[in-house]
C-alpha atoms as a PDB file:
ATOM      1  CA  ALA A   1     -19.280 -23.948   9.171  1.00  0.00           C
ATOM      2  CA  VAL A   2     -20.822 -20.487   8.919  1.00  0.00           C
ATOM      3  CA  SER A   3     -24.054 -20.329   6.966  1.00  0.00           C
ATOM      4  CA  SER A   4     -24.390 -18.037   3.959  1.00  0.00           C
ATOM      5  CA  HIS A   5     -27.064 -16.074   5.787  1.00  0.00           C
ATOM      6  CA  ALA A   6     -24.776 -15.569   8.804  1.00  0.00           C
ATOM      7  CA  ALA A   7     -21.917 -14.430   6.574  1.00  0.00           C
ATOM      8  CA  GLN A   8     -24.156 -11.920   4.799  1.00  0.00           C
ATOM      9  CA  SER A   9     -25.391 -10.675   8.154  1.00  0.00           C
ATOM     10  CA  SER A  10     -21.800 -10.125   9.332  1.00  0.00           C
ATOM     11  CA  VAL A  11     -20.976  -8.143   6.187  1.00  0.00           C
ATOM     12  CA  ALA A  12     -24.094  -6.039   6.638  1.00  0.00           C
ATOM     13  CA  GLU A  13     -23.180  -5.340  10.273  1.00  0.00           C
ATOM     14  CA  SER A  14     -19.652  -4.271   9.375  1.00  0.00           C
ATOM     15  CA  PHE A  15     -20.907  -1.822   6.751  1.00  0.00           C
ATOM     16  CA  LEU A  16     -23.403  -0.486   9.275  1.00  0.00           C
ATOM     17  CA  TYR A  17     -20.659   0.202  11.846  1.00  0.00           C
ATOM     18  CA  PHE A  18     -18.219   1.845   9.460  1.00  0.00           C
ATOM     19  CA  ASN A  19     -20.823   3.859   7.592  1.00  0.00           C
ATOM     20  CA  SER A  20     -22.161   5.132  10.918  1.00  0.00           C
ATOM     21  CA  ILE A  21     -18.796   6.854  11.379  1.00  0.00           C
ATOM     22  CA  GLN A  22     -19.269   8.772   8.136  1.00  0.00           C
ATOM     23  CA  ALA A  23     -22.805   9.701   9.210  1.00  0.00           C
ATOM     24  CA  ALA A  24     -21.484  11.104  12.493  1.00  0.00           C
ATOM     25  CA  ALA A  25     -19.174  13.636  10.814  1.00  0.00           C
ATOM     26  CA  GLY A  26     -18.901  16.797  12.897  1.00  0.00           C
ATOM     27  CA  ARG A  27     -20.381  15.194  16.030  1.00  0.00           C
ATOM     28  CA  ASP A  28     -17.142  14.685  17.924  1.00  0.00           C
ATOM     29  CA  HIS A  29     -18.831  13.898  21.233  1.00  0.00           C
ATOM     30  CA  LEU A  30     -19.819  10.558  19.681  1.00  0.00           C
ATOM     31  CA  VAL A  31     -16.203   9.359  19.278  1.00  0.00           C
ATOM     32  CA  PRO A  32     -16.203   7.012  22.332  1.00  0.00           C
ATOM     33  CA  GLN A  33     -19.471   5.402  21.216  1.00  0.00           C
ATOM     34  CA  LEU A  34     -18.175   4.958  17.661  1.00  0.00           C
ATOM     35  CA  LEU A  35     -14.957   3.354  18.887  1.00  0.00           C
ATOM     36  CA  ALA A  36     -16.959   1.087  21.191  1.00  0.00           C
ATOM     37  CA  ALA A  37     -19.023  -0.053  18.183  1.00  0.00           C
ATOM     38  CA  VAL A  38     -15.886  -0.770  16.152  1.00  0.00           C
ATOM     39  CA  LYS A  39     -14.400  -2.624  19.135  1.00  0.00           C
ATOM     40  CA  ASP A  40     -17.518  -4.747  19.341  1.00  0.00           C
ATOM     41  CA  LEU A  41     -17.181  -5.579  15.643  1.00  0.00           C
ATOM     42  CA  GLY A  42     -13.548  -6.591  16.216  1.00  0.00           C
ATOM     43  CA  ARG A  43     -14.626  -8.930  18.993  1.00  0.00           C
ATOM     44  CA  ARG A  44     -17.224 -10.528  16.725  1.00  0.00           C
ATOM     45  CA  GLU A  45     -14.797 -10.900  13.803  1.00  0.00           C
ATOM     46  CA  HIS A  46     -11.882 -12.049  16.011  1.00  0.00           C
ATOM     47  CA  TRP A  47      -9.357  -9.345  15.097  1.00  0.00           C
ATOM     48  CA  LEU A  48      -9.632  -7.481  18.393  1.00  0.00           C
ATOM     49  CA  LEU A  49      -6.417  -7.924  20.416  1.00  0.00           C
ATOM     50  CA  ASN A  50      -6.087  -7.945  24.190  1.00  0.00           C
ATOM     51  CA  SER A  51      -3.803  -5.095  25.236  1.00  0.00           C
ATOM     52  CA  LYS A  52      -2.286  -7.141  28.072  1.00  0.00           C
ATOM     53  CA  TYR A  53      -0.443  -9.237  25.454  1.00  0.00           C
ATOM     54  CA  LEU A  54       0.889  -6.176  23.623  1.00  0.00           C
ATOM     55  CA  GLU A  55       4.009  -4.115  24.398  1.00  0.00           C
ATOM     56  CA  VAL A  56       4.863  -0.843  22.630  1.00  0.00           C
ATOM     57  CA  PHE A  57       8.519   0.252  22.628  1.00  0.00           C
ATOM     58  CA  GLU A  58       8.153   4.017  22.385  1.00  0.00           C
ATOM     59  CA  ASP A  59      11.927   4.477  22.148  1.00  0.00           C
ATOM     60  CA  SER A  60      11.977   2.359  18.941  1.00  0.00           C
ATOM     61  CA  GLN A  61      10.034   4.518  16.513  1.00  0.00           C
ATOM     62  CA  LEU A  62       9.938   3.391  12.883  1.00  0.00           C
ATOM     63  CA  GLY A  63       8.021   6.276  11.363  1.00  0.00           C
ATOM     64  CA  GLN A  64       5.909   9.376  11.982  1.00  0.00           C
ATOM     65  CA  GLY A  65       2.974  10.922  10.171  1.00  0.00           C
ATOM     66  CA  SER A  66      -0.178  12.943  10.605  1.00  0.00           C
ATOM     67  CA  PHE A  67      -1.933   9.747  11.770  1.00  0.00           C
ATOM     68  CA  GLY A  68       0.477   9.270  14.684  1.00  0.00           C
ATOM     69  CA  ALA A  69       3.559   7.037  14.752  1.00  0.00           C
ATOM     70  CA  VAL A  70       4.771   3.486  14.079  1.00  0.00           C
ATOM     71  CA  PHE A  71       6.765   1.690  16.781  1.00  0.00           C
ATOM     72  CA  VAL A  72       8.445  -1.647  17.288  1.00  0.00           C
ATOM     73  CA  GLY A  73       6.616  -3.751  19.835  1.00  0.00           C
ATOM     74  CA  ARG A  74       5.794  -7.295  20.919  1.00  0.00           C
ATOM     75  CA  LEU A  75       2.608  -9.313  20.588  1.00  0.00           C
ATOM     76  CA  HIS A  76       2.570 -12.506  22.665  1.00  0.00           C
ATOM     77  CA  GLY A  77       6.357 -12.088  22.952  1.00  0.00           C
ATOM     78  CA  SER A  78       7.001 -11.847  19.184  1.00  0.00           C
ATOM     79  CA  VAL A  79       8.322  -8.677  17.538  1.00  0.00           C
ATOM     80  CA  VAL A  80       5.751  -6.660  15.583  1.00  0.00           C
ATOM     81  CA  ALA A  81       5.165  -3.189  14.153  1.00  0.00           C
ATOM     82  CA  ILE A  82       2.504  -1.078  15.880  1.00  0.00           C
ATOM     83  CA  LYS A  83       0.755   1.871  14.252  1.00  0.00           C
ATOM     84  CA  ALA A  84      -0.442   4.132  17.052  1.00  0.00           C
ATOM     85  CA  SER A  85      -3.007   6.823  16.408  1.00  0.00           C
ATOM     86  CA  SER A  86      -2.765  10.355  17.632  1.00  0.00           C
ATOM     87  CA  LYS A  87      -5.594  10.953  20.092  1.00  0.00           C
ATOM     88  CA  LEU A  88      -8.820  10.168  18.276  1.00  0.00           C
ATOM     89  CA  ASP A  89     -10.929  12.987  19.644  1.00  0.00           C
ATOM     90  CA  LYS A  90     -12.409  13.948  16.265  1.00  0.00           C
ATOM     91  CA  VAL A  91     -14.808  11.906  14.139  1.00  0.00           C
ATOM     92  CA  ALA A  92     -12.641  12.702  11.085  1.00  0.00           C
ATOM     93  CA  SER A  93      -9.641  11.063  12.766  1.00  0.00           C
ATOM     94  CA  VAL A  94     -11.651   7.973  13.649  1.00  0.00           C
ATOM     95  CA  GLN A  95     -12.944   7.790  10.088  1.00  0.00           C
ATOM     96  CA  SER A  96      -9.412   7.927   8.635  1.00  0.00           C
ATOM     97  CA  PHE A  97      -8.146   5.088  10.822  1.00  0.00           C
ATOM     98  CA  CYS A  98     -11.269   3.024  10.361  1.00  0.00           C
ATOM     99  CA  GLU A  99     -11.109   3.304   6.570  1.00  0.00           C
ATOM    100  CA  GLU A 100      -7.756   1.533   6.829  1.00  0.00           C
ATOM    101  CA  LEU A 101      -9.059  -0.975   9.366  1.00  0.00           C
ATOM    102  CA  ARG A 102     -12.093  -1.657   7.200  1.00  0.00           C
ATOM    103  CA  VAL A 103      -9.761  -2.920   4.449  1.00  0.00           C
ATOM    104  CA  LEU A 104      -7.050  -4.579   6.534  1.00  0.00           C
ATOM    105  CA  ARG A 105      -9.238  -6.902   8.545  1.00  0.00           C
ATOM    106  CA  HIS A 106      -9.993  -9.189   5.599  1.00  0.00           C
ATOM    107  CA  ILE A 107      -6.878  -9.190   3.374  1.00  0.00           C
ATOM    108  CA  ARG A 108      -4.312 -12.003   3.485  1.00  0.00           C
ATOM    109  CA  HIS A 109      -1.597 -12.306   0.839  1.00  0.00           C
ATOM    110  CA  PRO A 110       2.130 -13.186   0.863  1.00  0.00           C
ATOM    111  CA  ASP A 111       3.027  -9.915  -0.894  1.00  0.00           C
ATOM    112  CA  ILE A 112       1.077  -7.721   1.559  1.00  0.00           C
ATOM    113  CA  VAL A 113       2.231  -6.875   5.088  1.00  0.00           C
ATOM    114  CA  ASN A 114       0.287  -9.110   7.451  1.00  0.00           C
ATOM    115  CA  PHE A 115      -2.238  -7.435   9.749  1.00  0.00           C
ATOM    116  CA  TYR A 116      -2.565  -9.173  13.123  1.00  0.00           C
ATOM    117  CA  GLY A 117      -5.350  -7.101  14.641  1.00  0.00           C
ATOM    118  CA  ALA A 118      -6.150  -3.965  16.621  1.00  0.00           C
ATOM    119  CA  CYS A 119      -6.375  -2.741  20.196  1.00  0.00           C
ATOM    120  CA  ILE A 120      -9.134  -0.207  20.853  1.00  0.00           C
ATOM    121  CA  ASP A 121      -9.716   1.789  24.019  1.00  0.00           C
ATOM    122  CA  PRO A 122     -12.899   3.886  23.614  1.00  0.00           C
ATOM    123  CA  ASP A 123     -12.487   5.655  26.986  1.00  0.00           C
ATOM    124  CA  ARG A 124      -8.974   6.898  26.196  1.00  0.00           C
ATOM    125  CA  MET A 125      -9.868   7.310  22.499  1.00  0.00           C
ATOM    126  CA  ASP A 126      -6.841   5.221  21.458  1.00  0.00           C
ATOM    127  CA  LEU A 127      -6.466   2.758  18.613  1.00  0.00           C
ATOM    128  CA  LEU A 128      -3.438   0.570  17.776  1.00  0.00           C
ATOM    129  CA  LEU A 129      -3.033  -1.393  14.543  1.00  0.00           C
ATOM    130  CA  VAL A 130      -0.614  -4.332  14.802  1.00  0.00           C
ATOM    131  CA  PHE A 131       1.353  -5.676  11.810  1.00  0.00           C
ATOM    132  CA  GLU A 132       4.169  -8.064  11.077  1.00  0.00           C
ATOM    133  CA  LEU A 133       7.551  -6.340  11.319  1.00  0.00           C
ATOM    134  CA  VAL A 134       9.320  -6.498   7.964  1.00  0.00           C
ATOM    135  CA  LYS A 135      13.061  -6.596   8.609  1.00  0.00           C
ATOM    136  CA  GLY A 136      14.518  -4.592   5.783  1.00  0.00           C
ATOM    137  CA  LEU A 137      14.168  -1.339   3.876  1.00  0.00           C
ATOM    138  CA  ASN A 138      11.516   0.330   1.806  1.00  0.00           C
ATOM    139  CA  LEU A 139      11.762   0.092  -1.973  1.00  0.00           C
ATOM    140  CA  SER A 140      12.962   3.678  -2.281  1.00  0.00           C
ATOM    141  CA  GLN A 141      15.934   2.966  -0.013  1.00  0.00           C
ATOM    142  CA  VAL A 142      16.713  -0.302  -1.781  1.00  0.00           C
ATOM    143  CA  ILE A 143      16.796   1.280  -5.246  1.00  0.00           C
ATOM    144  CA  ASN A 144      18.611   4.447  -4.169  1.00  0.00           C
ATOM    145  CA  HIS A 145      21.256   2.840  -1.953  1.00  0.00           C
ATOM    146  CA  THR A 146      21.756  -0.712  -3.258  1.00  0.00           C
ATOM    147  CA  SER A 147      20.958  -0.338  -6.954  1.00  0.00           C
ATOM    148  CA  ASN A 148      24.312  -1.805  -8.007  1.00  0.00           C
ATOM    149  CA  LEU A 149      23.479  -5.006  -6.099  1.00  0.00           C
ATOM    150  CA  LEU A 150      20.174  -5.634  -7.832  1.00  0.00           C
ATOM    151  CA  THR A 151      20.200  -7.894 -10.870  1.00  0.00           C
ATOM    152  CA  ALA A 152      17.670  -7.463 -13.649  1.00  0.00           C
ATOM    153  CA  LYS A 153      16.039 -10.662 -12.461  1.00  0.00           C
ATOM    154  CA  ILE A 154      15.523  -9.301  -8.922  1.00  0.00           C
ATOM    155  CA  ARG A 155      14.063  -6.037 -10.255  1.00  0.00           C
ATOM    156  CA  ARG A 156      11.581  -7.949 -12.382  1.00  0.00           C
ATOM    157  CA  GLU A 157      10.663 -10.178  -9.443  1.00  0.00           C
ATOM    158  CA  MET A 158       9.979  -7.072  -7.346  1.00  0.00           C
ATOM    159  CA  LEU A 159       7.579  -5.809 -10.008  1.00  0.00           C
ATOM    160  CA  LEU A 160       5.878  -9.186 -10.203  1.00  0.00           C
ATOM    161  CA  SER A 161       5.336  -9.182  -6.432  1.00  0.00           C
ATOM    162  CA  ILE A 162       3.767  -5.721  -6.581  1.00  0.00           C
ATOM    163  CA  CYS A 163       1.512  -6.819  -9.448  1.00  0.00           C
ATOM    164  CA  ARG A 164       0.477  -9.987  -7.622  1.00  0.00           C
ATOM    165  CA  ALA A 165      -0.488  -7.961  -4.559  1.00  0.00           C
ATOM    166  CA  PHE A 166      -2.650  -5.667  -6.683  1.00  0.00           C
ATOM    167  CA  ARG A 167      -4.221  -8.550  -8.566  1.00  0.00           C
ATOM    168  CA  TYR A 168      -5.359  -9.886  -5.195  1.00  0.00           C
ATOM    169  CA  LEU A 169      -6.730  -6.497  -4.102  1.00  0.00           C
ATOM    170  CA  HIS A 170      -8.531  -5.873  -7.391  1.00  0.00           C
ATOM    171  CA  GLN A 171     -10.106  -9.344  -7.330  1.00  0.00           C
ATOM    172  CA  GLN A 172     -11.837  -8.728  -4.003  1.00  0.00           C
ATOM    173  CA  GLN A 173     -15.553  -8.012  -3.754  1.00  0.00           C
ATOM    174  CA  PRO A 174     -15.942  -5.103  -3.330  1.00  0.00           C
ATOM    175  CA  VAL A 175     -12.718  -4.230  -5.165  1.00  0.00           C
ATOM    176  CA  ILE A 176      -9.993  -2.786  -2.932  1.00  0.00           C
ATOM    177  CA  VAL A 177      -8.111   0.242  -4.254  1.00  0.00           C
ATOM    178  CA  HIS A 178      -4.845   0.985  -2.440  1.00  0.00           C
ATOM    179  CA  GLY A 179      -4.695   4.617  -3.519  1.00  0.00           C
ATOM    180  CA  ASP A 180      -1.148   5.474  -2.455  1.00  0.00           C
ATOM    181  CA  LEU A 181       1.325   3.139  -4.148  1.00  0.00           C
ATOM    182  CA  LYS A 182       4.831   4.575  -4.047  1.00  0.00           C
ATOM    183  CA  PRO A 183       8.273   3.119  -3.226  1.00  0.00           C
ATOM    184  CA  ASP A 184       8.078   4.313   0.391  1.00  0.00           C
ATOM    185  CA  ASN A 185       4.987   2.106   0.850  1.00  0.00           C
ATOM    186  CA  VAL A 186       6.655  -1.053  -0.470  1.00  0.00           C
ATOM    187  CA  LEU A 187       8.870  -2.923   1.982  1.00  0.00           C
ATOM    188  CA  VAL A 188      11.692  -5.289   1.000  1.00  0.00           C
ATOM    189  CA  GLU A 189      12.963  -7.979   3.364  1.00  0.00           C
ATOM    190  CA  THR A 190      16.744  -7.797   3.599  1.00  0.00           C
ATOM    191  CA  LYS A 191      17.506 -11.508   3.577  1.00  0.00           C
ATOM    192  CA  THR A 192      15.105 -12.651   0.854  1.00  0.00           C
ATOM    193  CA  CYS A 193      14.226  -9.586  -1.260  1.00  0.00           C
ATOM    194  CA  GLN A 194      10.575 -10.488  -0.587  1.00  0.00           C
ATOM    195  CA  VAL A 195       8.426  -7.472  -1.427  1.00  0.00           C
ATOM    196  CA  LYS A 196       5.525  -6.515   0.842  1.00  0.00           C
ATOM    197  CA  LEU A 197       2.904  -3.885   0.033  1.00  0.00           C
ATOM    198  CA  ALA A 198       2.183  -1.688   3.060  1.00  0.00           C
ATOM    199  CA  ASP A 199       0.325   1.419   4.252  1.00  0.00           C
ATOM    200  CA  PHE A 200      -3.365   1.154   3.471  1.00  0.00           C
ATOM    201  CA  GLY A 201      -4.114   4.562   4.988  1.00  0.00           C
ATOM    202  CA  LEU A 202      -5.633   5.854   1.742  1.00  0.00           C
ATOM    203  CA  SER A 203      -7.158   2.559   0.631  1.00  0.00           C
ATOM    204  CA  ARG A 204     -10.835   2.303  -0.244  1.00  0.00           C
ATOM    205  CA  LEU A 205     -13.430  -0.355  -0.851  1.00  0.00           C
ATOM    206  CA  MET A 206     -14.841   0.541  -4.260  1.00  0.00           C
ATOM    207  CA  THR A 207     -18.520   1.043  -3.475  1.00  0.00           C
ATOM    208  CA  PRO A 208     -21.115   3.575  -4.635  1.00  0.00           C
ATOM    209  CA  MET A 209     -20.289   5.597  -1.495  1.00  0.00           C
ATOM    210  CA  SER A 210     -16.541   5.746  -2.213  1.00  0.00           C
ATOM    211  CA  ARG A 211     -15.056   9.201  -1.822  1.00  0.00           C
ATOM    212  CA  ALA A 212     -12.294  10.889  -3.804  1.00  0.00           C
ATOM    213  CA  MET A 213      -8.903  10.383  -2.179  1.00  0.00           C
ATOM    214  CA  GLY A 214      -5.497  11.969  -2.042  1.00  0.00           C
ATOM    215  CA  GLY A 215      -2.195  10.554  -3.205  1.00  0.00           C
ATOM    216  CA  THR A 216       1.452  11.465  -3.716  1.00  0.00           C
ATOM    217  CA  MET A 217       1.999  13.717  -6.738  1.00  0.00           C
ATOM    218  CA  ARG A 218       4.998  11.943  -8.246  1.00  0.00           C
ATOM    219  CA  TRP A 219       3.298   8.548  -8.194  1.00  0.00           C
ATOM    220  CA  CYS A 220      -0.445   9.104  -8.439  1.00  0.00           C
ATOM    221  CA  ALA A 221      -2.783   9.132 -11.421  1.00  0.00           C
ATOM    222  CA  PRO A 222      -3.900  12.494 -12.849  1.00  0.00           C
ATOM    223  CA  GLU A 223      -7.542  11.939 -11.872  1.00  0.00           C
ATOM    224  CA  VAL A 224      -6.434  11.315  -8.266  1.00  0.00           C
ATOM    225  CA  LEU A 225      -4.164  14.368  -8.331  1.00  0.00           C
ATOM    226  CA  LEU A 226      -7.123  16.483  -9.407  1.00  0.00           C
ATOM    227  CA  ALA A 227      -9.443  14.758  -6.886  1.00  0.00           C
ATOM    228  CA  ALA A 228     -11.877  14.540  -9.760  1.00  0.00           C
ATOM    229  CA  THR A 229     -13.229  11.025  -9.314  1.00  0.00           C
ATOM    230  CA  ALA A 230     -13.879   8.319  -6.765  1.00  0.00           C
ATOM    231  CA  PRO A 231     -11.143   5.677  -6.488  1.00  0.00           C
ATOM    232  CA  SER A 232     -10.811   3.003  -9.161  1.00  0.00           C
ATOM    233  CA  PRO A 233      -8.380   0.168  -9.939  1.00  0.00           C
ATOM    234  CA  SER A 234      -7.035   2.113 -12.928  1.00  0.00           C
ATOM    235  CA  SER A 235      -5.532   4.708 -10.584  1.00  0.00           C
ATOM    236  CA  ASP A 236      -3.518   1.928  -8.922  1.00  0.00           C
ATOM    237  CA  ILE A 237      -2.448   0.716 -12.380  1.00  0.00           C
ATOM    238  CA  PHE A 238      -1.060   4.163 -13.169  1.00  0.00           C
ATOM    239  CA  SER A 239       0.999   4.149  -9.960  1.00  0.00           C
ATOM    240  CA  ILE A 240       2.365   0.711 -10.840  1.00  0.00           C
ATOM    241  CA  GLY A 241       3.652   2.266 -14.083  1.00  0.00           C
ATOM    242  CA  ARG A 242       5.529   5.021 -12.288  1.00  0.00           C
ATOM    243  CA  CYS A 243       6.980   2.475  -9.834  1.00  0.00           C
ATOM    244  CA  ALA A 244       7.988   0.200 -12.732  1.00  0.00           C
ATOM    245  CA  PHE A 245       9.988   3.062 -14.257  1.00  0.00           C
ATOM    246  CA  PHE A 246      11.711   3.635 -10.902  1.00  0.00           C
ATOM    247  CA  VAL A 247      12.505  -0.044 -10.265  1.00  0.00           C
ATOM    248  CA  ILE A 248      13.888  -0.762 -13.747  1.00  0.00           C
ATOM    249  CA  THR A 249      15.853   2.461 -14.345  1.00  0.00           C
ATOM    250  CA  GLY A 250      16.702   3.481 -10.789  1.00  0.00           C
ATOM    251  CA  LEU A 251      15.549   7.002 -11.677  1.00  0.00           C
ATOM    252  CA  THR A 252      12.879   8.981  -9.846  1.00  0.00           C
ATOM    253  CA  PRO A 253      10.067  10.058 -12.197  1.00  0.00           C
ATOM    254  CA  LEU A 254       9.280  13.759 -12.708  1.00  0.00           C
ATOM    255  CA  THR A 255      12.573  14.887 -11.169  1.00  0.00           C
ATOM    256  CA  GLY A 256      12.839  18.661 -11.507  1.00  0.00           C
ATOM    257  CA  MET A 257       9.207  19.051 -12.594  1.00  0.00           C
ATOM    258  CA  HIS A 258       7.240  21.529 -10.505  1.00  0.00           C
ATOM    259  CA  ARG A 259       3.773  20.769  -9.168  1.00  0.00           C
ATOM    260  CA  ASP A 260       2.182  23.412 -11.417  1.00  0.00           C
ATOM    261  CA  MET A 261       3.567  21.679 -14.490  1.00  0.00           C
ATOM    262  CA  VAL A 262       2.330  18.259 -13.330  1.00  0.00           C
ATOM    263  CA  LEU A 263      -1.124  19.741 -12.715  1.00  0.00           C
ATOM    264  CA  LYS A 264      -1.082  21.314 -16.173  1.00  0.00           C
ATOM    265  CA  TYR A 265      -0.427  17.916 -17.758  1.00  0.00           C
ATOM    266  CA  ALA A 266      -3.204  16.379 -15.650  1.00  0.00           C
ATOM    267  CA  GLU A 267      -5.760  19.051 -16.528  1.00  0.00           C
ATOM    268  CA  SER A 268      -4.985  18.851 -20.257  1.00  0.00           C
ATOM    269  CA  LYS A 269      -4.927  15.028 -20.147  1.00  0.00           C
ATOM    270  CA  GLU A 270      -1.472  14.870 -21.704  1.00  0.00           C
ATOM    271  CA  LEU A 271       1.030  12.042 -21.154  1.00  0.00           C
ATOM    272  CA  VAL A 272       3.822  13.239 -18.851  1.00  0.00           C
ATOM    273  CA  PRO A 273       7.187  12.380 -20.482  1.00  0.00           C
ATOM    274  CA  LEU A 274       9.650  10.184 -18.591  1.00  0.00           C
ATOM    275  CA  ASP A 275      13.411  10.650 -18.927  1.00  0.00           C
ATOM    276  CA  TRP A 276      14.641   7.180 -19.882  1.00  0.00           C
ATOM    277  CA  PRO A 277      18.395   6.514 -19.605  1.00  0.00           C
ATOM    278  CA  GLU A 278      20.373   7.093 -22.805  1.00  0.00           C
ATOM    279  CA  ALA A 279      22.359   3.921 -22.149  1.00  0.00           C
ATOM    280  CA  ALA A 280      19.552   1.387 -21.985  1.00  0.00           C
ATOM    281  CA  VAL A 281      19.366  -0.883 -18.931  1.00  0.00           C
ATOM    282  CA  ALA A 282      17.950  -4.411 -18.755  1.00  0.00           C
ATOM    283  CA  TRP A 283      14.192  -4.575 -19.425  1.00  0.00           C
ATOM    284  CA  GLN A 284      14.116  -0.876 -20.438  1.00  0.00           C
ATOM    285  CA  LYS A 285      12.528  -1.487 -23.858  1.00  0.00           C
ATOM    286  CA  GLU A 286       9.871  -3.743 -22.328  1.00  0.00           C
ATOM    287  CA  CYS A 287       9.238  -1.355 -19.431  1.00  0.00           C
ATOM    288  CA  CYS A 288       8.914   1.616 -21.786  1.00  0.00           C
ATOM    289  CA  GLU A 289       6.295  -0.230 -23.854  1.00  0.00           C
ATOM    290  CA  LEU A 290       4.407  -1.150 -20.688  1.00  0.00           C
ATOM    291  CA  CYS A 291       4.512   2.406 -19.334  1.00  0.00           C
ATOM    292  CA  ASN A 292       3.167   3.782 -22.605  1.00  0.00           C
ATOM    293  CA  GLN A 293       0.031   1.726 -21.952  1.00  0.00           C
ATOM    294  CA  ILE A 294      -0.509   2.056 -18.228  1.00  0.00           C
ATOM    295  CA  LEU A 295       0.478   5.716 -17.857  1.00  0.00           C
ATOM    296  CA  SER A 296      -2.284   6.860 -20.168  1.00  0.00           C
ATOM    297  CA  PRO A 297      -3.889  10.076 -18.874  1.00  0.00           C
ATOM    298  CA  GLU A 298      -7.261   8.498 -19.746  1.00  0.00           C
ATOM    299  CA  ALA A 299      -8.168   6.059 -16.965  1.00  0.00           C
ATOM    300  CA  GLU A 300     -10.391   3.913 -19.185  1.00  0.00           C
ATOM    301  CA  GLU A 301      -7.511   3.314 -21.628  1.00  0.00           C
ATOM    302  CA  ARG A 302      -5.260   1.641 -19.057  1.00  0.00           C
ATOM    303  CA  PRO A 303      -5.121  -2.171 -19.040  1.00  0.00           C
ATOM    304  CA  GLY A 304      -6.276  -4.199 -16.052  1.00  0.00           C
ATOM    305  CA  ILE A 305      -3.932  -5.788 -13.541  1.00  0.00           C
ATOM    306  CA  GLU A 306      -4.136  -9.253 -15.162  1.00  0.00           C
ATOM    307  CA  ALA A 307      -2.768  -7.847 -18.425  1.00  0.00           C
ATOM    308  CA  VAL A 308      -0.024  -5.930 -16.610  1.00  0.00           C
ATOM    309  CA  LEU A 309       1.037  -8.990 -14.632  1.00  0.00           C
ATOM    310  CA  ALA A 310       1.074 -11.148 -17.776  1.00  0.00           C
ATOM    311  CA  GLU A 311       3.204  -8.565 -19.588  1.00  0.00           C
ATOM    312  CA  VAL A 312       5.879  -8.417 -16.860  1.00  0.00           C
ATOM    313  CA  TRP A 313       5.852 -12.231 -16.596  1.00  0.00           C
ATOM    314  CA  HIS A 314       6.429 -12.419 -20.365  1.00  0.00           C
ATOM    315  CA  TRP A 315       9.629 -10.376 -20.126  1.00  0.00           C
ATOM    316  CA  ALA A 316      11.496 -13.405 -18.746  1.00  0.00           C
ATOM    317  CA  ALA A 317      10.317 -15.672 -21.566  1.00  0.00           C
ATOM    318  CA  GLU A 318      11.675 -13.236 -24.148  1.00  0.00           C
ATOM    319  CA  GLU A 319      15.091 -13.249 -22.485  1.00  0.00           C
ATOM    320  CA  GLY A 320      15.189 -17.021 -22.016  1.00  0.00           C
ATOM    321  CA  VAL A 321      15.001 -16.754 -18.220  1.00  0.00           C
ATOM    322  CA  ASP A 322      13.144 -19.439 -16.302  1.00  0.00           C
ATOM    323  CA  PRO A 323      10.526 -17.388 -14.374  1.00  0.00           C
ATOM    324  CA  LEU A 324      10.209 -20.131 -11.756  1.00  0.00           C
ATOM    325  CA  SER A 325      13.917 -20.466 -10.978  1.00  0.00           C
ATOM    326  CA  PRO A 326      15.204 -19.147  -7.611  1.00  0.00           C
ATOM    327  CA  ARG A 327      16.152 -15.488  -7.622  1.00  0.00           C
ATOM    328  CA  VAL A 328      19.847 -14.687  -7.156  1.00  0.00           C
ATOM    329  CA  MET A 329      20.334 -12.770  -3.943  1.00  0.00           C
ATOM    330  CA  PRO A 330      22.628  -9.749  -3.630  1.00  0.00           C
ATOM    331  CA  ASN A 331      25.754  -9.907  -1.509  1.00  0.00           C
ATOM    332  CA  GLN A 332      24.539 -10.375   2.078  1.00  0.00           C
ATOM    333  CA  GLY A 333      27.280  -8.232   3.620  1.00  0.00           C
ATOM    334  CA  ALA A 334      26.463  -5.266   1.405  1.00  0.00           C
ATOM    335  CA  TRP A 335      22.783  -5.520   2.325  1.00  0.00           C
ATOM    336  CA  LEU A 336      23.597  -5.558   6.014  1.00  0.00           C
ATOM    337  CA  LYS A 337      25.540  -2.328   5.671  1.00  0.00           C
ATOM    338  CA  VAL A 338      22.590  -0.423   4.211  1.00  0.00           C
ATOM    339  CA  GLU A 339      20.034  -2.008   6.549  1.00  0.00           C
ATOM    340  CA  LYS A 340      21.006   0.601   9.141  1.00  0.00           C
ATOM    341  CA  ILE A 341      19.701   3.449   6.973  1.00  0.00           C
ATOM    342  CA  GLN A 342      17.079   5.338   8.929  1.00  0.00           C
ATOM    343  CA  PRO A 343      13.623   5.473   7.350  1.00  0.00           C
END
């Protein structure tokens, strides 16, 4: 067993390493030393992976972004997803990756993509993050291309999974704020409809040193859009509201609304209207009532994640649905057809 003193010492060390990266801003010649320090922390905390057991299939790319790319690979012979950094020759680049690593190394939840560890090469200034490979589509693809296959029960279960993931994050000490919830960052396993929250690139530990963060306009809270405040759980709650609208109605929020108009609403602290379907769909009344609460332009007026989760859970009771009964899966053949959609 690890003593309380030893555990506190480990936490203190980890904050020292990661905060040293922020302190080194602009001193790019220190990148190898910073990566060596993070590698040493990984060795101590047992999430550092040996590169000789890792294969990266560069011809099987899953995604691309400013951070680098995501590839299919193998860890100890098992298929995984590997997030490979662009060359980390700037302290700012190291800081961005390490913010994500700082969060990932301690979270474990069935509704969050599992993080297996990282490979770090200080000399080559390379860093690889290794995750479970979710065999399926992202939530945006599922709703847009298989909407007719999704029962009301499955849609509600998807929302519950998202809420459970955020309850876990918001219960951590310090609180973890994801910061970029959107359908593209929620993965859905093809065979089970199991939802997995992914992409912690903008996540933050909510500490006094937390910095303002970016987000995606259509899905993020007004205070995040304006970069006016440090991250908070209420900004995640707002994004859950926008995603709830999308999951239940199948419609993308703010369609046709220009960025200037969205900013105007944010600056004036007005509630942005959502275009609900004229022919009501299942759970629409309940979802509309929920969105009216959690899409408040005032962060302090939004309910916490426990209240949101309880509200979505209660939907089933109102309809006489057993919330613990097995979910009914869509037609397997139809799912297999859309699984080939490119991300």
